[in-house]
Amino acid sequence: MSEKPKEEKKERIAETGGNGGNGKKELTRRKFLGNVAAGSAAAALVPRHVLGRGFTPPSDLLNIAGVGIGGMGRQNLINLSSQNIVALCDVDWGYADKGFERLDTDIQRLRDRLANPSAPPPPGQSQAPFDPVKAKARLDSMIRLKNEHVPKAKRYKDYRGMLEKQKDIDAVLVATADHMHAPIALAAMELHKHVYVQKPLTWSVEEARKMARAAKETRVATQMGNQGHSLDDARLTVEYVWAGAIGEVREIHIWTNRPLGFWPQGIPRPEALKEPADKLRWNGQGVNERLAAAMAGNYPVPDTLSWNLFLGAAAPNIDYHPIYHPFNWRGWVDWGVGAIGDMGAHLIDHSMWALNLGMPTSVETISTPFNGASYPHATMTFYEFPARGPLPPVKLTWYDGGLKPNKPEELGDEELSQEGGALLIGSKGKLLHETYGAHPRLLPKSLSDSFGKPPQKLPRIPGEAHEMNWVDACKGKTEASCPFEYAARLTEVMLLGVVALKAGKKIYYDGSNMRVTNLPQANDYLRREYRQGWSV
């Protein structure tokens, strides 16, 4: 096939929305992508062998839009760069473009590593064993994103305008701040577009239920971005439990070091002093007021940022401050859901999956001081899950902010991972794994030696590629690794820890009816009101 000059090609994309002006071809392609998600494939496709070896038919590529691309969204786009990235949307293009500009540095760094694979990784980079095959694939993906997709994709600030104007979008990646996940994803699903949403799936419990319901009704392919769900190790973790390696599990301890060193929590909202500093005592309240005043100031909204769009559907009308954006929003109640919302999807996941935990009957969160605006420095959350058929009740304890469970004696001189992990305690032994379900092992070592590896019950995800697993699900080739049906339940369990924190008391939960039974006012924390002009 001959290539048209680049400028002419760009003009055609801009004029036609990316379908080359051939409405019939685009209709067939979109019909195919919609039908495969519903379980039936379109018949009228040109086979590969007709087009020639090495040519990828247009019908094999997904037209993807990315919303929220300055942080984790950039990583998702790299992993999706084998597809057509046709639209990019962000409320702050100054921040997003900095991420794309770093591609040059990242590409060169990876080239250097490939040239000298035995060299130790530089400080701050992953210390995991270097896989040159995966590294070369990642290098190619970064180059493709930089050279092919970023220059030609249409740009937007408001996802609503993007969805209204650009009709060639098949699937939408959502990697914004937590509070906007549900509004964007639900709008995309209403248009029957497949969606990939970063964890946590939603900001509120009610939104999680709506997302699961919309996915079921529209039958689009969905995936939450807890990439550990697609790792071989994570699936091995589940298979150990299923095989009965540690017997009946009644107690689980899960911890993370977040937010330490990652984003601030337990801080006051920036605010000028209401009385002279010399009138304040140097007690806890006085120090907090001084901290709030030290951060206060007249910070103009950056020219590249649409602050109102960042506030979005439900956040209160708070003045811009650099302590909120970018990334630090995660520690603020208005936009994020704290450490348990960030890392619970990577850590609670495997226990919930392996033990079919369902909804807890009670949840209690204790913490360092909580001011209602910024999540505490550290929390512990206690969940009680009921029996499930032959499976016994389970007590699960979550720790964050540097808190950890007692070290099991079987570890000897070894310490628990500082970053995070999970310890499942069974009637026959214990199972320990790290964040993302990595490096599962049985304790004591004698149990590991005698039991060996469990039978494989779960399919492995090719290349452990979470995003491409979703792409294949969009095309009807496989099932998504972590679809909303499951992801919404996991998210609800995580967010109930936040609900208990806000309630300040132990809550008893009726999962069937999404209702706190002992503290009626706590039900307000399961949902939120949307600003005028926004809806879900």
Protein backbone atom coordinates (compact mmCIF):
# COMPACT_ATOMS: atom_id res chain seq x y z
CA MET A 1 0.00 0.00 0.00
CA SER A 2 1.36 3.43 -0.88
CA GLU A 3 1.71 6.07 1.79
CA LYS A 4 0.27 9.57 1.31
CA PRO A 5 2.46 12.55 2.27
CA LYS A 6 2.35 13.20 6.01
CA GLU A 7 0.77 16.64 5.79
CA GLU A 8 -1.97 15.42 3.48
CA LYS A 9 -2.53 12.49 5.82
CA LYS A 10 -2.89 14.82 8.85
CA GLU A 11 -5.40 16.94 6.95
CA ARG A 12 -7.52 13.90 6.17
CA ILE A 13 -7.44 12.79 9.79
CA ALA A 14 -8.48 16.24 10.99
CA GLU A 15 -11.30 16.50 8.45
CA THR A 16 -12.72 12.99 8.79
CA GLY A 17 -12.06 12.16 12.44
CA GLY A 18 -9.56 9.44 11.47
CA ASN A 19 -11.63 7.24 9.16
CA GLY A 20 -10.09 8.48 5.95
CA GLY A 21 -13.43 9.79 4.72
CA ASN A 22 -14.79 6.29 4.18
CA GLY A 23 -17.92 6.28 6.28
CA LYS A 24 -18.90 2.76 5.28
CA LYS A 25 -15.54 1.29 6.28
CA GLU A 26 -15.61 3.05 9.63
CA LEU A 27 -19.15 1.89 10.31
CA THR A 28 -18.20 -1.72 9.65
CA ARG A 29 -15.14 -1.45 11.87
CA ARG A 30 -17.03 0.17 14.75
CA LYS A 31 -19.84 -2.34 14.41
CA PHE A 32 -17.29 -5.11 14.68
CA LEU A 33 -15.68 -3.69 17.80
CA GLY A 34 -19.03 -3.16 19.45
CA ASN A 35 -20.31 -6.60 18.54
CA VAL A 36 -17.30 -8.55 19.70
CA ALA A 37 -17.65 -7.04 23.16
CA ALA A 38 -21.22 -8.33 23.17
CA GLY A 39 -20.07 -11.77 22.09
CA SER A 40 -20.63 -11.77 18.31
CA ALA A 41 -18.10 -10.94 15.60
CA ALA A 42 -18.81 -9.10 12.38
CA ALA A 43 -18.53 -11.26 9.31
CA ALA A 44 -17.37 -8.79 6.68
CA LEU A 45 -13.69 -8.33 7.56
CA VAL A 46 -10.73 -8.52 5.20
CA PRO A 47 -8.60 -11.51 6.29
CA ARG A 48 -4.92 -11.02 7.09
CA HIS A 49 -3.70 -13.29 4.32
CA VAL A 50 -5.45 -11.17 1.68
CA LEU A 51 -3.59 -8.05 2.83
CA GLY A 52 -0.19 -9.71 2.97
CA ARG A 53 2.22 -10.78 5.67
CA GLY A 54 3.24 -8.12 8.15
CA PHE A 55 0.26 -5.87 7.48
CA THR A 56 -2.11 -5.28 10.37
CA PRO A 57 -5.67 -4.76 9.13
CA PRO A 58 -7.28 -1.53 10.40
CA SER A 59 -9.98 -3.67 11.98
CA ASP A 60 -7.33 -5.20 14.23
CA LEU A 61 -6.44 -1.85 15.77
CA LEU A 62 -8.43 -0.06 18.45
CA ASN A 63 -8.95 3.71 18.30
CA ILE A 64 -8.14 4.80 21.86
CA ALA A 65 -8.61 8.10 23.66
CA GLY A 66 -6.60 8.86 26.80
CA VAL A 67 -8.06 11.10 29.52
CA GLY A 68 -5.68 12.18 32.29
CA ILE A 69 -2.30 11.50 30.71
CA GLY A 70 0.22 13.39 32.82
CA GLY A 71 0.98 10.65 35.36
CA MET A 72 0.10 6.96 35.24
CA GLY A 73 -1.85 7.68 32.06
CA ARG A 74 1.42 8.18 30.20
CA GLN A 75 2.56 4.71 31.26
CA ASN A 76 -0.75 3.25 30.08
CA LEU A 77 -0.35 4.99 26.70
CA ILE A 78 3.13 3.52 26.30
CA ASN A 79 1.67 0.06 26.87
CA LEU A 80 -1.16 0.78 24.40
CA SER A 81 1.00 2.30 21.67
CA SER A 82 0.56 -0.68 19.34
CA GLN A 83 -3.00 0.60 18.82
CA ASN A 84 -4.31 3.85 17.31
CA ILE A 85 -4.17 6.60 19.93
CA VAL A 86 -6.46 9.12 18.30
CA ALA A 87 -7.27 11.57 21.09
CA LEU A 88 -5.61 12.91 24.23
CA CYS A 89 -7.39 14.87 26.95
CA ASP A 90 -5.99 16.55 30.03
CA VAL A 91 -7.01 19.51 32.17
CA ASP A 92 -3.34 20.56 32.43
CA TRP A 93 -1.40 20.31 29.19
CA GLY A 94 1.64 21.96 30.74
CA TYR A 95 2.02 19.02 33.11
CA ALA A 96 1.05 16.43 30.51
CA ASP A 97 3.55 17.74 27.96
CA LYS A 98 6.36 17.57 30.51
CA GLY A 99 5.68 13.84 30.73
CA PHE A 100 5.89 13.47 26.96
CA GLU A 101 9.07 15.56 26.87
CA ARG A 102 10.66 13.14 29.33
CA LEU A 103 10.25 10.36 26.77
CA ASP A 104 13.54 11.42 25.14
CA THR A 105 15.39 10.96 28.42
CA ASP A 106 13.59 7.72 29.23
CA ILE A 107 14.30 6.31 25.77
CA GLN A 108 18.00 7.11 26.00
CA ARG A 109 18.24 5.66 29.51
CA LEU A 110 16.66 2.43 28.35
CA ARG A 111 18.93 2.25 25.32
CA ASP A 112 21.94 2.62 27.62
CA ARG A 113 20.63 -0.17 29.84
CA LEU A 114 20.09 -2.47 26.88
CA ALA A 115 23.63 -1.76 25.72
CA ASN A 116 24.96 -2.77 29.14
CA PRO A 117 22.35 -5.11 30.68
CA SER A 118 24.65 -6.40 33.43
CA ALA A 119 25.20 -2.93 34.91
CA PRO A 120 23.33 -2.17 38.16
CA PRO A 121 20.29 0.07 37.64
CA PRO A 122 20.76 3.74 38.56
CA PRO A 123 19.41 4.91 41.94
CA GLY A 124 15.67 5.42 41.90
CA GLN A 125 15.04 2.90 39.13
CA SER A 126 13.53 -0.55 39.57
CA GLN A 127 15.89 -3.04 41.17
CA ALA A 128 13.97 -5.99 39.68
CA PRO A 129 15.90 -8.43 37.46
CA PHE A 130 16.47 -6.88 34.05
CA ASP A 131 14.56 -8.54 31.21
CA PRO A 132 16.09 -7.40 27.89
CA VAL A 133 13.20 -8.78 25.83
CA LYS A 134 10.60 -6.81 27.77
CA ALA A 135 12.91 -3.80 27.85
CA LYS A 136 13.29 -3.82 24.06
CA ALA A 137 9.51 -4.06 23.66
CA ARG A 138 9.06 -1.15 26.06
CA LEU A 139 11.67 0.89 24.17
CA ASP A 140 9.82 0.33 20.90
CA SER A 141 6.54 1.33 22.58
CA MET A 142 7.99 4.57 23.94
CA ILE A 143 9.43 5.48 20.55
CA ARG A 144 6.10 4.72 18.87
CA LEU A 145 4.18 6.86 21.37
CA LYS A 146 6.60 9.76 20.97
CA ASN A 147 6.95 9.71 17.20
CA GLU A 148 3.63 8.41 15.93
CA HIS A 149 0.86 9.08 18.42
CA VAL A 150 1.63 12.23 20.38
CA PRO A 151 2.16 14.43 17.28
CA LYS A 152 -1.04 13.41 15.49
CA ALA A 153 -3.60 12.70 18.24
CA LYS A 154 -6.26 15.38 18.64
CA ARG A 155 -6.01 17.32 21.91
CA TYR A 156 -8.76 18.29 24.34
CA LYS A 157 -9.14 19.72 27.83
CA ASP A 158 -12.74 18.66 28.45
CA TYR A 159 -13.60 14.98 27.98
CA ARG A 160 -17.22 15.92 27.29
CA GLY A 161 -16.24 17.87 24.19
CA MET A 162 -13.97 15.04 23.11
CA LEU A 163 -16.72 12.43 23.35
CA GLU A 164 -19.18 14.70 21.58
CA LYS A 165 -16.95 15.76 18.71
CA GLN A 166 -14.73 12.79 17.95
CA LYS A 167 -16.75 9.90 16.63
CA ASP A 168 -13.93 7.51 15.73
CA ILE A 169 -13.12 6.63 19.37
CA ASP A 170 -13.66 2.95 20.22
CA ALA A 171 -12.20 2.85 23.71
CA VAL A 172 -11.27 5.27 26.48
CA LEU A 173 -8.44 5.16 29.01
CA VAL A 174 -9.22 7.07 32.23
CA ALA A 175 -6.26 7.96 34.44
CA THR A 176 -7.39 11.22 36.04
CA ALA A 177 -7.61 12.06 39.74
CA ASP A 178 -9.84 9.56 41.57
CA HIS A 179 -12.88 11.82 41.86
CA MET A 180 -13.38 11.95 38.07
CA HIS A 181 -13.02 8.26 37.23
CA ALA A 182 -16.72 7.46 37.39
CA PRO A 183 -18.13 10.50 35.53
CA ILE A 184 -15.77 9.99 32.58
CA ALA A 185 -16.09 6.21 32.40
CA LEU A 186 -19.88 6.28 32.68
CA ALA A 187 -20.12 8.88 29.92
CA ALA A 188 -17.94 6.69 27.69
CA MET A 189 -19.92 3.53 28.45
CA GLU A 190 -23.17 5.33 27.70
CA LEU A 191 -21.75 5.79 24.18
CA HIS A 192 -20.84 2.07 24.13
CA LYS A 193 -17.11 2.67 24.27
CA HIS A 194 -14.83 0.22 26.04
CA VAL A 195 -13.14 1.63 29.13
CA TYR A 196 -9.91 1.10 31.07
CA VAL A 197 -9.94 2.96 34.41
CA GLN A 198 -7.01 3.38 36.72
CA LYS A 199 -7.39 2.21 40.30
CA PRO A 200 -9.24 2.96 42.46
CA LEU A 201 -12.18 2.43 40.14
CA THR A 202 -14.20 5.20 41.81
CA TRP A 203 -14.21 7.79 44.58
CA SER A 204 -17.42 6.52 46.23
CA VAL A 205 -19.18 3.23 46.92
CA GLU A 206 -22.30 4.29 45.04
CA GLU A 207 -20.20 5.11 41.96
CA ALA A 208 -18.63 1.64 42.07
CA ARG A 209 -22.08 0.07 41.96
CA LYS A 210 -23.10 2.31 39.06
CA MET A 211 -19.95 1.38 37.14
CA ALA A 212 -20.57 -2.35 37.56
CA ARG A 213 -24.19 -1.94 36.49
CA ALA A 214 -23.27 0.12 33.41
CA ALA A 215 -20.64 -2.41 32.34
CA LYS A 216 -23.19 -5.21 32.60
CA GLU A 217 -25.87 -3.30 30.69
CA THR A 218 -23.64 -2.00 27.88
CA ARG A 219 -21.53 -5.17 27.64
CA VAL A 220 -18.43 -3.19 26.72
CA ALA A 221 -15.00 -4.50 27.69
CA THR A 222 -13.83 -3.02 31.00
CA GLN A 223 -10.64 -3.20 33.02
CA MET A 224 -9.39 -1.57 36.23
CA GLY A 225 -5.73 -0.58 36.20
CA ASN A 226 -4.47 -2.79 39.03
CA GLN A 227 -1.82 -4.37 36.85
CA GLY A 228 -0.84 -6.90 39.50
CA HIS A 229 -4.02 -8.80 38.71
CA SER A 230 -2.38 -9.90 35.45
CA LEU A 231 0.95 -11.02 36.92
CA ASP A 232 1.91 -14.69 36.97
CA ASP A 233 2.94 -14.39 40.62
CA ALA A 234 -0.45 -13.00 41.60
CA ARG A 235 -2.19 -15.95 39.99
CA LEU A 236 0.19 -18.34 41.70
CA THR A 237 -0.74 -16.68 45.01
CA VAL A 238 -4.40 -17.45 44.38
CA GLU A 239 -3.65 -21.01 43.31
CA TYR A 240 -1.73 -21.71 46.53
CA VAL A 241 -4.83 -20.79 48.51
CA TRP A 242 -7.18 -22.70 46.23
CA ALA A 243 -4.99 -25.80 46.51
CA GLY A 244 -5.30 -25.74 50.30
CA ALA A 245 -1.58 -25.16 50.83
CA ILE A 246 -2.17 -23.24 54.08
CA GLY A 247 -5.51 -24.76 55.02
CA GLU A 248 -8.43 -22.68 56.26
CA VAL A 249 -7.69 -18.96 56.28
CA ARG A 250 -9.29 -16.95 59.07
CA GLU A 251 -6.80 -14.09 59.50
CA ILE A 252 -5.11 -11.73 57.01
CA HIS A 253 -2.72 -8.80 57.54
CA ILE A 254 -2.04 -6.36 54.70
CA TRP A 255 0.24 -3.32 54.82
CA THR A 256 1.74 -0.56 52.68
CA ASN A 257 4.25 2.20 53.36
CA ARG A 258 2.09 4.74 51.48
CA PRO A 259 1.76 7.67 51.81
CA LEU A 260 5.23 7.99 53.37
CA GLY A 261 7.55 9.72 50.93
CA PHE A 262 5.00 9.65 48.11
CA TRP A 263 2.46 12.40 48.82
CA PRO A 264 1.55 14.48 51.91
CA GLN A 265 -1.26 13.50 54.29
CA GLY A 266 -2.25 14.58 57.77
CA ILE A 267 -1.70 18.24 56.95
CA PRO A 268 -4.03 21.25 57.38
CA ARG A 269 -5.61 23.04 54.45
CA PRO A 270 -3.60 26.19 53.54
CA GLU A 271 -5.14 29.12 55.39
CA ALA A 272 -3.94 32.53 56.61
CA LEU A 273 -3.70 33.07 60.35
CA LYS A 274 -6.87 34.37 61.98
CA GLU A 275 -4.91 35.97 64.82
CA PRO A 276 -1.29 37.10 65.23
CA ALA A 277 1.25 34.29 65.53
CA ASP A 278 2.49 35.56 68.89
CA LYS A 279 -0.96 34.92 70.30
CA LEU A 280 -0.80 31.23 69.37
CA ARG A 281 0.43 28.59 71.77
CA TRP A 282 3.00 26.03 70.66
CA ASN A 283 0.61 23.16 71.23
CA GLY A 284 -0.78 20.83 68.56
CA GLN A 285 -3.47 23.25 67.43
CA GLY A 286 -1.08 26.20 67.36
CA VAL A 287 1.49 24.31 65.32
CA ASN A 288 -1.16 23.19 62.83
CA GLU A 289 -2.38 26.75 62.40
CA ARG A 290 1.18 27.89 61.78
CA LEU A 291 1.66 25.11 59.22
CA ALA A 292 -1.55 26.12 57.45
CA ALA A 293 -0.40 29.75 57.36
CA ALA A 294 3.06 28.78 56.11
CA MET A 295 1.44 27.13 53.08
CA ALA A 296 -1.09 29.91 52.48
CA GLY A 297 -0.46 32.32 49.66
CA ASN A 298 -1.84 33.79 46.49
CA TYR A 299 -0.92 31.18 43.92
CA PRO A 300 -2.25 31.98 40.45
CA VAL A 301 -3.69 29.12 38.45
CA PRO A 302 -1.10 28.05 35.84
CA ASP A 303 -1.98 29.17 32.32
CA THR A 304 -2.01 25.57 31.16
CA LEU A 305 -4.43 24.34 33.84
CA SER A 306 -8.23 24.51 33.74
CA TRP A 307 -8.86 24.44 37.48
CA ASN A 308 -12.63 24.31 37.15
CA LEU A 309 -12.35 21.20 34.97
CA PHE A 310 -10.00 19.67 37.51
CA LEU A 311 -12.60 20.26 40.25
CA GLY A 312 -14.97 18.47 37.94
CA ALA A 313 -18.24 16.81 38.84
CA ALA A 314 -18.39 16.86 42.62
CA ALA A 315 -15.41 18.52 44.27
CA PRO A 316 -16.16 21.65 46.34
CA ASN A 317 -15.11 25.00 44.92
CA ILE A 318 -11.66 25.19 46.52
CA ASP A 319 -9.14 27.79 45.32
CA TYR A 320 -6.15 26.43 43.41
CA HIS A 321 -2.98 25.71 45.37
CA PRO A 322 0.13 23.76 44.25
CA ILE A 323 -0.26 21.50 47.32
CA TYR A 324 -3.28 19.99 45.52
CA HIS A 325 -2.12 19.55 41.93
CA PRO A 326 -0.44 17.68 40.40
CA PHE A 327 -0.47 14.26 42.12
CA ASN A 328 -0.80 15.50 45.72
CA TRP A 329 -4.59 15.46 45.25
CA ARG A 330 -4.42 11.80 46.34
CA GLY A 331 -4.06 12.76 50.00
CA TRP A 332 -6.98 15.22 50.00
CA VAL A 333 -10.51 14.00 50.71
CA ASP A 334 -12.01 16.18 47.96
CA TRP A 335 -10.21 14.37 45.13
CA GLY A 336 -8.52 11.21 46.38
CA VAL A 337 -9.16 8.25 48.64
CA GLY A 338 -5.84 8.00 50.45
CA ALA A 339 -3.45 5.12 50.85
CA ILE A 340 -6.06 2.37 51.05
CA GLY A 341 -7.64 3.58 47.81
CA ASP A 342 -4.28 3.83 46.11
CA MET A 343 -2.70 0.55 47.23
CA GLY A 344 -5.63 -1.59 48.34
CA ALA A 345 -6.23 -2.49 44.70
CA HIS A 346 -2.69 -3.92 44.59
CA LEU A 347 -2.75 -5.62 47.99
CA ILE A 348 -6.28 -6.53 49.14
CA ASP A 349 -6.99 -7.85 45.65
CA HIS A 350 -5.40 -11.27 45.96
CA SER A 351 -6.93 -12.23 49.29
CA MET A 352 -10.36 -11.13 48.12
CA TRP A 353 -9.88 -13.05 44.87
CA ALA A 354 -8.55 -16.25 46.45
CA LEU A 355 -11.06 -16.40 49.29
CA ASN A 356 -14.14 -14.97 47.54
CA LEU A 357 -14.52 -12.55 50.44
CA GLY A 358 -17.50 -10.55 49.23
CA MET A 359 -18.73 -7.68 51.41
CA PRO A 360 -17.66 -7.27 55.06
CA THR A 361 -20.24 -7.23 57.81
CA SER A 362 -18.28 -4.68 59.86
CA VAL A 363 -15.46 -2.21 59.32
CA GLU A 364 -13.56 -0.07 61.82
CA THR A 365 -10.77 2.38 61.07
CA ILE A 366 -8.47 3.92 63.67
CA SER A 367 -5.88 6.50 62.75
CA THR A 368 -3.55 9.31 63.66
CA PRO A 369 -5.47 12.62 63.87
CA PHE A 370 -7.88 13.19 60.99
CA ASN A 371 -8.94 16.75 60.20
CA GLY A 372 -11.53 15.82 57.60
CA ALA A 373 -9.69 17.56 54.77
CA SER A 374 -6.46 15.55 54.43
CA TYR A 375 -6.26 11.82 55.13
CA PRO A 376 -4.31 10.87 58.29
CA HIS A 377 -0.61 10.06 58.37
CA ALA A 378 -1.41 6.42 59.19
CA THR A 379 -4.43 4.17 59.63
CA MET A 380 -5.41 0.66 60.61
CA THR A 381 -8.68 -0.77 59.30
CA PHE A 382 -10.30 -3.90 60.71
CA TYR A 383 -12.65 -5.86 58.43
CA GLU A 384 -14.84 -8.79 59.41
CA PHE A 385 -16.02 -10.99 56.55
CA PRO A 386 -18.70 -13.66 57.10
CA ALA A 387 -18.45 -17.35 56.21
CA ARG A 388 -18.95 -18.16 52.54
CA GLY A 389 -20.37 -21.66 52.16
CA PRO A 390 -17.67 -24.02 53.46
CA LEU A 391 -15.17 -21.16 53.87
CA PRO A 392 -14.85 -19.79 57.43
CA PRO A 393 -15.19 -16.14 58.54
CA VAL A 394 -12.13 -13.98 57.97
CA LYS A 395 -10.67 -11.03 59.88
CA LEU A 396 -8.56 -8.75 57.69
CA THR A 397 -6.42 -5.92 59.05
CA TRP A 398 -5.08 -3.12 56.84
CA TYR A 399 -2.06 -1.01 57.86
CA ASP A 400 -0.63 2.08 56.13
CA GLY A 401 1.67 5.03 56.80
CA GLY A 402 4.53 2.83 57.99
CA LEU A 403 2.50 0.63 60.35
CA LYS A 404 3.02 -3.10 59.93
CA PRO A 405 1.80 -6.33 61.51
CA ASN A 406 3.97 -8.39 63.83
CA LYS A 407 6.62 -10.29 61.96
CA PRO A 408 5.90 -14.04 61.76
CA GLU A 409 8.42 -16.14 63.67
CA GLU A 410 9.02 -18.26 60.59
CA LEU A 411 10.91 -15.36 58.95
CA GLY A 412 13.75 -15.60 61.44
CA ASP A 413 16.18 -12.71 60.92
CA GLU A 414 14.42 -11.55 57.76
CA GLU A 415 12.14 -8.52 58.03
CA LEU A 416 8.79 -7.90 56.42
CA SER A 417 8.97 -5.84 53.24
CA GLN A 418 9.08 -2.13 54.03
CA GLU A 419 7.10 -1.30 50.88
CA GLY A 420 4.14 -3.53 51.61
CA GLY A 421 2.73 -7.03 51.43
CA ALA A 422 0.15 -9.48 52.68
CA LEU A 423 0.30 -12.28 55.22
CA LEU A 424 -2.44 -14.90 55.09
CA ILE A 425 -2.59 -17.12 58.17
CA GLY A 426 -4.10 -20.56 57.68
CA SER A 427 -4.67 -23.66 59.75
CA LYS A 428 -1.72 -25.44 58.07
CA GLY A 429 0.72 -22.58 57.51
CA LYS A 430 1.11 -19.06 56.21
CA LEU A 431 1.40 -17.40 52.83
CA LEU A 432 3.41 -14.21 52.35
CA HIS A 433 3.46 -12.06 49.23
CA GLU A 434 4.64 -8.57 48.32
CA THR A 435 2.85 -5.70 46.59
CA TYR A 436 1.02 -6.67 43.37
CA GLY A 437 0.95 -10.27 44.61
CA ALA A 438 4.67 -10.59 43.84
CA HIS A 439 6.95 -13.34 45.17
CA PRO A 440 4.42 -15.57 46.96
CA ARG A 441 5.89 -18.12 49.33
CA LEU A 442 4.73 -20.51 51.97
CA LEU A 443 5.85 -20.36 55.60
CA PRO A 444 7.52 -22.18 57.20
CA LYS A 445 10.07 -23.15 54.55
CA SER A 446 9.45 -26.81 55.32
CA LEU A 447 5.86 -26.36 54.13
CA SER A 448 7.09 -24.76 50.93
CA ASP A 449 9.53 -27.62 50.36
CA SER A 450 6.96 -30.33 50.98
CA PHE A 451 4.04 -28.75 49.13
CA GLY A 452 5.80 -27.60 45.99
CA LYS A 453 3.88 -25.63 43.36
CA PRO A 454 0.07 -25.82 43.23
CA PRO A 455 -1.80 -26.99 40.14
CA GLN A 456 -2.35 -24.20 37.61
CA LYS A 457 -6.04 -23.23 37.64
CA LEU A 458 -5.91 -19.71 36.25
CA PRO A 459 -4.93 -18.74 32.70
CA ARG A 460 -1.78 -16.65 32.41
CA ILE A 461 -1.99 -13.25 30.72
CA PRO A 462 0.34 -13.13 27.69
CA GLY A 463 3.36 -11.03 28.56
CA GLU A 464 1.63 -10.12 31.85
CA ALA A 465 0.36 -7.18 29.77
CA HIS A 466 -2.65 -5.77 31.63
CA GLU A 467 -3.48 -3.04 29.09
CA MET A 468 -3.14 -5.33 26.08
CA ASN A 469 -5.28 -7.92 27.81
CA TRP A 470 -7.99 -5.25 27.84
CA VAL A 471 -7.38 -4.49 24.15
CA ASP A 472 -7.84 -8.17 23.32
CA ALA A 473 -11.03 -8.19 25.39
CA CYS A 474 -12.29 -5.19 23.39
CA LYS A 475 -11.73 -7.21 20.23
CA GLY A 476 -13.53 -10.24 21.61
CA LYS A 477 -10.40 -12.39 21.73
CA THR A 478 -10.36 -13.02 25.49
CA GLU A 479 -11.90 -11.98 28.80
CA ALA A 480 -10.57 -8.98 30.68
CA SER A 481 -8.33 -9.81 33.62
CA CYS A 482 -10.00 -7.43 36.10
CA PRO A 483 -13.39 -6.34 34.69
CA PHE A 484 -15.67 -3.95 36.55
CA GLU A 485 -17.83 -6.81 37.78
CA TYR A 486 -14.97 -7.79 40.09
CA ALA A 487 -13.14 -4.44 40.31
CA ALA A 488 -16.24 -2.67 41.64
CA ARG A 489 -16.55 -5.12 44.55
CA LEU A 490 -12.86 -4.79 45.39
CA THR A 491 -13.15 -1.00 45.24
CA GLU A 492 -16.20 -1.02 47.50
CA VAL A 493 -14.33 -3.02 50.13
CA MET A 494 -11.42 -0.57 49.99
CA LEU A 495 -13.67 2.47 50.18
CA LEU A 496 -15.57 1.10 53.17
CA GLY A 497 -12.34 1.66 55.09
CA VAL A 498 -12.60 5.35 54.15
CA VAL A 499 -16.28 5.40 55.14
CA ALA A 500 -15.39 3.99 58.57
CA LEU A 501 -12.64 6.60 58.94
CA LYS A 502 -15.08 9.43 58.21
CA ALA A 503 -17.71 7.87 60.50
CA GLY A 504 -15.24 7.74 63.38
CA LYS A 505 -16.82 4.54 64.67
CA LYS A 506 -17.13 0.88 63.82
CA ILE A 507 -19.76 0.48 61.14
CA TYR A 508 -21.97 -2.54 60.45
CA TYR A 509 -22.64 -3.03 56.78
CA ASP A 510 -25.48 -4.61 54.83
CA GLY A 511 -23.77 -5.23 51.52
CA SER A 512 -26.89 -6.53 49.77
CA ASN A 513 -28.58 -3.19 50.28
CA MET A 514 -25.49 -0.95 50.33
CA ARG A 515 -26.40 0.35 53.76
CA VAL A 516 -24.68 1.10 57.06
CA THR A 517 -27.11 -0.28 59.64
CA ASN A 518 -25.87 1.07 62.96
CA LEU A 519 -24.97 4.65 62.07
CA PRO A 520 -27.49 6.18 59.62
CA GLN A 521 -25.46 9.33 59.03
CA ALA A 522 -22.54 7.22 57.76
CA ASN A 523 -24.62 6.36 54.70
CA ASP A 524 -23.90 9.88 53.47
CA TYR A 525 -20.27 8.79 53.02
CA LEU A 526 -21.29 6.08 50.52
CA ARG A 527 -22.23 8.68 47.91
CA ARG A 528 -21.81 12.34 47.05
CA GLU A 529 -23.71 15.18 45.46
CA TYR A 530 -22.68 16.40 42.01
CA ARG A 531 -22.21 20.02 41.06
CA GLN A 532 -24.74 21.72 38.81
CA GLY A 533 -24.13 20.81 35.19
CA TRP A 534 -22.56 17.46 36.02
CA SER A 535 -24.22 14.10 36.48
CA VAL A 536 -23.49 10.41 36.75
